[in-house]
């Protein structure tokens, strides 16, 4: 399947992710595909890049954990927390190239 946890590059993607989660319904509190590395930098699991776009809830990240969950669906904000609790998540994958071969 080659899918990875979704990487959010901008507010449009963040808004899209919220709409998908709302359409799926409960449970909420989806885990975002990022973690804090050993140097304290947040990185996307998708490609190990640092965050270019953020949408932290006020006062976050609060150093409460090294994983991130979607905190507030109305404001689309994020909250850091622990990594041990199982949470739902959204994955993405690159478009696959399709080639057709016809016998002649």
N, C-alpha and C. Protein backbone atom coordinates (compact mmCIF):
# COMPACT_ATOMS: atom_id res chain seq x y z
N UNK A 1 0.82 -1.19 0.00
CA UNK A 1 0.00 0.00 0.00
C UNK A 1 0.87 1.26 0.00
N UNK A 2 2.03 1.23 0.60
CA UNK A 2 2.98 2.35 0.61
C UNK A 2 2.39 3.65 1.13
N UNK A 3 1.50 3.59 2.09
CA UNK A 3 0.91 4.80 2.67
C UNK A 3 1.67 5.17 3.95
N UNK A 4 1.69 6.48 4.24
CA UNK A 4 2.33 6.99 5.45
C UNK A 4 1.36 7.93 6.14
N UNK A 5 1.59 8.18 7.43
CA UNK A 5 0.74 9.12 8.14
C UNK A 5 0.82 10.47 7.46
N UNK A 6 -0.32 11.12 7.36
CA UNK A 6 -0.44 12.36 6.60
C UNK A 6 0.48 13.46 7.10
N UNK A 7 1.09 14.16 6.17
CA UNK A 7 1.90 15.35 6.44
C UNK A 7 1.06 16.56 6.05
N UNK A 8 0.96 17.54 6.93
CA UNK A 8 0.16 18.74 6.67
C UNK A 8 1.10 19.89 6.32
N UNK A 9 1.06 20.32 5.06
CA UNK A 9 1.97 21.35 4.58
C UNK A 9 1.41 22.77 4.65
N UNK A 10 0.08 22.91 4.80
CA UNK A 10 -0.50 24.25 4.78
C UNK A 10 -1.90 24.22 5.40
N UNK A 11 -2.49 25.40 5.55
CA UNK A 11 -3.81 25.49 6.19
C UNK A 11 -4.89 24.81 5.36
N UNK A 12 -4.75 24.80 4.06
CA UNK A 12 -5.73 24.13 3.19
C UNK A 12 -5.74 22.62 3.48
N UNK A 13 -4.56 22.01 3.61
CA UNK A 13 -4.50 20.58 3.93
C UNK A 13 -5.02 20.31 5.33
N UNK A 14 -4.73 21.20 6.27
CA UNK A 14 -5.23 21.04 7.63
C UNK A 14 -6.76 21.07 7.64
N UNK A 15 -7.34 22.02 6.89
CA UNK A 15 -8.79 22.14 6.80
C UNK A 15 -9.39 20.91 6.12
N UNK A 16 -8.74 20.42 5.08
CA UNK A 16 -9.21 19.22 4.38
C UNK A 16 -9.22 18.02 5.32
N UNK A 17 -8.14 17.87 6.10
CA UNK A 17 -8.05 16.75 7.03
C UNK A 17 -9.19 16.80 8.03
N UNK A 18 -9.51 17.98 8.54
CA UNK A 18 -10.62 18.13 9.48
C UNK A 18 -11.93 17.69 8.83
N UNK A 19 -12.15 18.08 7.58
CA UNK A 19 -13.40 17.70 6.91
C UNK A 19 -13.50 16.19 6.75
N UNK A 20 -12.39 15.52 6.45
CA UNK A 20 -12.39 14.06 6.33
C UNK A 20 -12.71 13.42 7.67
N UNK A 21 -12.07 13.90 8.73
CA UNK A 21 -12.29 13.34 10.07
C UNK A 21 -13.73 13.54 10.51
N UNK A 22 -14.27 14.72 10.28
CA UNK A 22 -15.68 14.98 10.64
C UNK A 22 -16.61 14.06 9.87
N UNK A 23 -16.32 13.83 8.60
CA UNK A 23 -17.16 12.95 7.78
C UNK A 23 -17.10 11.50 8.27
N UNK A 24 -15.94 11.08 8.78
CA UNK A 24 -15.80 9.72 9.29
C UNK A 24 -16.54 9.52 10.60
N UNK A 25 -16.68 10.59 11.37
CA UNK A 25 -17.36 10.52 12.66
C UNK A 25 -16.43 10.00 13.75
N UNK A 26 -17.01 9.82 14.98
CA UNK A 26 -16.19 9.40 16.12
C UNK A 26 -15.50 8.06 15.85
N UNK A 27 -14.40 7.75 16.52
CA UNK A 27 -13.78 8.53 17.60
C UNK A 27 -12.95 9.68 17.05
N UNK A 28 -12.82 10.73 17.83
CA UNK A 28 -12.03 11.88 17.45
C UNK A 28 -10.70 11.86 18.22
N UNK A 29 -9.91 12.92 18.09
CA UNK A 29 -8.61 12.96 18.74
C UNK A 29 -7.55 12.27 17.89
N UNK A 30 -7.63 12.45 16.58
CA UNK A 30 -6.73 11.78 15.65
C UNK A 30 -5.27 12.19 15.87
N UNK A 31 -4.41 11.21 15.76
CA UNK A 31 -2.98 11.46 15.87
C UNK A 31 -2.47 12.03 14.56
N UNK A 32 -1.64 13.05 14.68
CA UNK A 32 -0.99 13.62 13.49
C UNK A 32 0.35 12.94 13.30
N UNK A 33 0.81 12.89 12.09
CA UNK A 33 2.03 12.14 11.75
C UNK A 33 3.31 12.88 12.03
N UNK A 34 3.49 13.32 13.27
CA UNK A 34 4.74 13.99 13.63
C UNK A 34 5.16 13.58 15.03
N UNK A 35 6.45 13.66 15.29
CA UNK A 35 7.00 13.39 16.61
C UNK A 35 8.14 14.34 16.89
N UNK A 36 8.42 14.51 18.18
CA UNK A 36 9.55 15.33 18.59
C UNK A 36 10.79 14.44 18.58
N UNK A 37 11.87 14.92 17.93
CA UNK A 37 13.10 14.13 17.87
C UNK A 37 13.93 14.31 19.15
N UNK A 38 15.07 13.67 19.21
CA UNK A 38 15.93 13.73 20.40
C UNK A 38 16.44 15.13 20.69
N UNK A 39 16.48 15.99 19.68
CA UNK A 39 16.93 17.37 19.86
C UNK A 39 15.79 18.34 20.16
N UNK A 40 14.58 17.81 20.32
CA UNK A 40 13.43 18.64 20.65
C UNK A 40 12.75 19.30 19.46
N UNK A 41 13.13 18.90 18.23
CA UNK A 41 12.49 19.45 17.03
C UNK A 41 11.35 18.54 16.60
N UNK A 42 10.25 19.15 16.19
CA UNK A 42 9.12 18.39 15.67
C UNK A 42 9.39 18.04 14.22
N UNK A 43 9.15 16.77 13.87
CA UNK A 43 9.41 16.28 12.51
C UNK A 43 8.23 15.45 12.03
N UNK A 44 7.97 15.58 10.73
CA UNK A 44 6.95 14.75 10.10
C UNK A 44 7.50 13.35 9.89
N UNK A 45 6.70 12.34 10.24
CA UNK A 45 7.10 10.96 10.02
C UNK A 45 7.12 10.63 8.53
N UNK A 46 6.34 11.35 7.74
CA UNK A 46 6.22 11.11 6.30
C UNK A 46 7.58 11.16 5.61
N UNK A 47 8.37 12.20 5.91
CA UNK A 47 9.66 12.35 5.24
C UNK A 47 10.76 12.88 6.16
N UNK A 48 10.50 12.90 7.46
CA UNK A 48 11.46 13.35 8.47
C UNK A 48 11.79 14.84 8.37
N UNK A 49 10.95 15.61 7.68
CA UNK A 49 11.19 17.05 7.54
C UNK A 49 10.68 17.78 8.78
N UNK A 50 11.27 18.96 9.04
CA UNK A 50 10.77 19.79 10.13
C UNK A 50 9.48 20.48 9.67
N UNK A 51 8.75 21.03 10.61
CA UNK A 51 7.45 21.62 10.30
C UNK A 51 7.60 22.95 9.58
N UNK A 52 6.98 23.07 8.43
CA UNK A 52 6.92 24.34 7.73
C UNK A 52 5.64 25.09 8.08
N UNK A 53 4.59 24.34 8.31
CA UNK A 53 3.29 24.89 8.71
C UNK A 53 2.96 24.34 10.09
N UNK A 54 2.44 25.17 10.98
CA UNK A 54 1.98 24.71 12.29
C UNK A 54 0.63 25.34 12.59
N UNK A 55 -0.11 24.68 13.44
CA UNK A 55 -1.40 25.22 13.89
C UNK A 55 -1.65 24.77 15.33
N UNK A 56 -0.69 25.08 16.19
CA UNK A 56 -0.78 24.69 17.60
C UNK A 56 -1.92 25.42 18.29
N UNK A 57 -2.57 24.74 19.22
CA UNK A 57 -3.53 25.37 20.11
C UNK A 57 -2.76 26.37 20.98
N UNK A 58 -3.37 27.49 21.41
CA UNK A 58 -2.64 28.43 22.27
C UNK A 58 -2.01 27.71 23.48
N UNK A 59 -0.75 28.01 23.74
CA UNK A 59 -0.02 27.38 24.84
C UNK A 59 0.63 26.06 24.47
N UNK A 60 0.48 25.64 23.24
CA UNK A 60 1.09 24.39 22.77
C UNK A 60 2.19 24.70 21.77
N UNK A 61 3.15 23.84 21.59
CA UNK A 61 3.33 22.60 22.35
C UNK A 61 3.76 22.91 23.78
N UNK A 62 3.28 22.09 24.69
CA UNK A 62 3.52 22.36 26.11
C UNK A 62 4.57 21.43 26.72
N UNK A 63 5.26 20.67 25.90
CA UNK A 63 6.28 19.71 26.35
C UNK A 63 5.67 18.58 27.17
N UNK A 64 4.38 18.31 26.97
CA UNK A 64 3.72 17.22 27.67
C UNK A 64 3.99 15.86 27.02
N UNK A 65 4.48 15.87 25.82
CA UNK A 65 4.72 14.60 25.13
C UNK A 65 5.48 14.82 23.85
N UNK A 66 5.69 13.72 23.14
CA UNK A 66 6.42 13.84 21.88
C UNK A 66 5.60 13.42 20.67
N UNK A 67 4.29 13.25 20.87
CA UNK A 67 3.38 12.99 19.77
C UNK A 67 2.33 14.09 19.73
N UNK A 68 1.57 14.18 18.63
CA UNK A 68 0.62 15.27 18.44
C UNK A 68 -0.74 14.71 18.05
N UNK A 69 -1.78 15.29 18.64
CA UNK A 69 -3.15 14.95 18.26
C UNK A 69 -3.87 16.22 17.83
N UNK A 70 -4.89 16.03 17.02
CA UNK A 70 -5.75 17.14 16.64
C UNK A 70 -6.57 17.49 17.87
N UNK A 71 -6.44 18.71 18.35
CA UNK A 71 -6.99 19.12 19.63
C UNK A 71 -8.39 19.68 19.52
N UNK A 72 -8.63 20.54 18.55
CA UNK A 72 -9.90 21.24 18.46
C UNK A 72 -10.35 21.24 17.00
N UNK A 73 -11.47 20.60 16.72
CA UNK A 73 -11.94 20.47 15.35
C UNK A 73 -12.50 21.76 14.78
N UNK A 74 -13.00 22.64 15.64
CA UNK A 74 -13.53 23.91 15.14
C UNK A 74 -12.41 24.86 14.75
N UNK A 75 -11.37 24.97 15.59
CA UNK A 75 -10.26 25.86 15.27
C UNK A 75 -9.14 25.14 14.51
N UNK A 76 -9.27 23.81 14.39
CA UNK A 76 -8.29 22.98 13.65
C UNK A 76 -6.90 23.03 14.28
N UNK A 77 -6.82 23.11 15.60
CA UNK A 77 -5.54 23.26 16.27
C UNK A 77 -4.99 21.93 16.78
N UNK A 78 -3.70 21.94 17.09
CA UNK A 78 -2.97 20.74 17.49
C UNK A 78 -2.52 20.84 18.95
N UNK A 79 -2.29 19.66 19.56
CA UNK A 79 -1.85 19.58 20.94
C UNK A 79 -0.82 18.46 21.06
N UNK A 80 0.27 18.71 21.79
CA UNK A 80 1.23 17.63 22.02
C UNK A 80 0.77 16.80 23.20
N UNK A 81 1.18 15.55 23.21
CA UNK A 81 0.81 14.63 24.28
C UNK A 81 1.62 13.36 24.18
N UNK A 82 1.23 12.38 24.97
CA UNK A 82 1.95 11.11 24.99
C UNK A 82 1.70 10.29 23.74
N UNK A 83 2.50 9.26 23.59
CA UNK A 83 2.43 8.41 22.40
C UNK A 83 1.88 7.02 22.70
N UNK A 84 1.56 6.74 23.95
CA UNK A 84 1.19 5.37 24.30
C UNK A 84 -0.27 5.04 24.05
N UNK A 85 -1.15 6.02 24.07
CA UNK A 85 -2.57 5.76 23.86
C UNK A 85 -2.86 5.59 22.38
N UNK A 86 -3.61 4.54 22.05
CA UNK A 86 -3.97 4.33 20.65
C UNK A 86 -4.96 5.40 20.20
N UNK A 87 -4.71 5.95 19.03
CA UNK A 87 -5.55 7.00 18.45
C UNK A 87 -5.77 6.68 16.97
N UNK A 88 -6.90 7.10 16.42
CA UNK A 88 -7.07 6.97 14.97
C UNK A 88 -6.14 7.95 14.24
N UNK A 89 -5.91 7.71 12.96
CA UNK A 89 -5.03 8.57 12.18
C UNK A 89 -5.43 8.52 10.71
N UNK A 90 -4.93 9.46 9.94
CA UNK A 90 -5.18 9.55 8.50
C UNK A 90 -3.86 9.33 7.77
N UNK A 91 -3.91 8.51 6.72
CA UNK A 91 -2.70 8.26 5.92
C UNK A 91 -2.86 8.87 4.52
N UNK A 92 -1.72 9.03 3.88
CA UNK A 92 -1.70 9.49 2.49
C UNK A 92 -0.65 8.68 1.74
N UNK A 93 -0.78 8.68 0.44
CA UNK A 93 0.25 8.05 -0.39
C UNK A 93 0.34 8.79 -1.70
N UNK A 94 1.49 8.68 -2.31
CA UNK A 94 1.70 9.34 -3.60
C UNK A 94 0.87 8.66 -4.67
N UNK A 95 0.50 9.45 -5.66
CA UNK A 95 -0.23 8.89 -6.79
C UNK A 95 0.67 7.89 -7.49
N UNK A 96 0.07 6.78 -7.90
CA UNK A 96 0.82 5.77 -8.62
C UNK A 96 0.71 6.04 -10.12
N UNK A 97 1.79 5.83 -10.80
CA UNK A 97 1.77 5.98 -12.25
C UNK A 97 1.19 4.71 -12.85
N UNK A 98 0.41 4.90 -13.84
CA UNK A 98 -0.24 3.78 -14.50
C UNK A 98 0.20 3.76 -15.96
N UNK A 99 0.63 2.62 -16.38
CA UNK A 99 0.99 2.51 -17.79
C UNK A 99 0.19 1.35 -18.39
N UNK A 100 -0.33 1.59 -19.55
CA UNK A 100 -1.09 0.59 -20.24
C UNK A 100 -0.27 0.02 -21.39
N UNK A 101 -0.37 -1.27 -21.55
CA UNK A 101 0.35 -1.91 -22.63
C UNK A 101 -0.67 -2.70 -23.44
N UNK A 102 -0.73 -2.43 -24.71
CA UNK A 102 -1.69 -3.12 -25.57
C UNK A 102 -0.94 -4.06 -26.50
N UNK A 103 -1.51 -5.23 -26.65
CA UNK A 103 -0.95 -6.16 -27.63
C UNK A 103 -1.45 -5.76 -29.01
N UNK A 104 -0.54 -5.73 -29.98
CA UNK A 104 -0.97 -5.37 -31.33
C UNK A 104 -0.77 -6.50 -32.28
